[in-house]
Amino acid sequence: MPQLNPRPWFFLLLSTWLMFSLLTFPSILKTDHPHHPGVKSLKNNLNLKIKN
């Protein structure tokens, strides 16, 4: 029986990490764009070059 002890802890940590990552990853993606205007400027520069 003691050999089965690490597995529930591993699955518990894995599930909590998955939940945490799923909850935080979209918010990080949403907040990255306003804080980094370099992406928008790069897209605008590419669009201007394509138009010209």
Protein backbone atom coordinates (compact mmCIF):
# COMPACT_ATOMS: atom_id res chain seq x y z
CA MET A 1 0.00 0.00 0.00
CA PRO A 2 2.72 2.60 0.70
CA GLN A 3 3.87 2.31 -2.92
CA LEU A 4 0.55 3.85 -4.03
CA ASN A 5 1.09 7.02 -1.99
CA PRO A 6 3.11 9.09 -4.52
CA ARG A 7 0.61 8.63 -7.34
CA PRO A 8 -2.36 10.50 -5.79
CA TRP A 9 -0.02 13.35 -4.88
CA PHE A 10 1.32 13.43 -8.43
CA PHE A 11 -2.16 13.47 -9.94
CA LEU A 12 -3.29 16.10 -7.45
CA LEU A 13 -0.36 18.35 -8.30
CA LEU A 14 -0.88 17.74 -12.01
CA SER A 15 -4.59 18.55 -11.84
CA THR A 16 -4.02 21.70 -9.78
CA TRP A 17 -1.27 22.83 -12.17
CA LEU A 18 -3.52 22.20 -15.17
CA MET A 19 -6.36 24.16 -13.60
CA PHE A 20 -4.01 27.00 -12.66
CA SER A 21 -2.48 27.14 -16.13
CA LEU A 22 -5.90 27.02 -17.82
CA LEU A 23 -7.14 29.85 -15.60
CA THR A 24 -4.07 32.05 -15.93
CA PHE A 25 -2.99 31.41 -19.54
CA PRO A 26 -5.91 33.21 -21.25
CA SER A 27 -5.58 36.19 -18.91
CA ILE A 28 -1.84 36.36 -19.62
CA LEU A 29 -2.55 36.25 -23.35
CA LYS A 30 -5.19 38.97 -23.00
CA THR A 31 -2.97 41.25 -20.92
CA ASP A 32 0.15 40.72 -23.04
CA HIS A 33 -1.21 42.62 -26.05
CA PRO A 34 -1.93 46.01 -24.40
CA HIS A 35 1.33 45.94 -22.45
CA HIS A 36 3.38 45.12 -25.56
CA PRO A 37 2.47 47.50 -28.39
CA GLY A 38 5.41 46.13 -30.39
CA VAL A 39 3.19 43.40 -31.81
CA LYS A 40 0.64 45.90 -33.07
CA SER A 41 3.32 48.20 -34.48
CA LEU A 42 4.95 45.27 -36.27
CA LYS A 43 1.60 44.30 -37.79
CA ASN A 44 0.94 47.90 -38.83
CA ASN A 45 4.39 48.17 -40.41
CA LEU A 46 3.82 44.96 -42.33
CA ASN A 47 0.42 46.20 -43.52
CA LEU A 48 1.91 49.53 -44.61
CA LYS A 49 4.70 47.78 -46.50
CA ILE A 50 2.21 45.51 -48.22
CA LYS A 51 0.00 48.50 -49.17
CA ASN A 52 2.94 50.49 -50.51
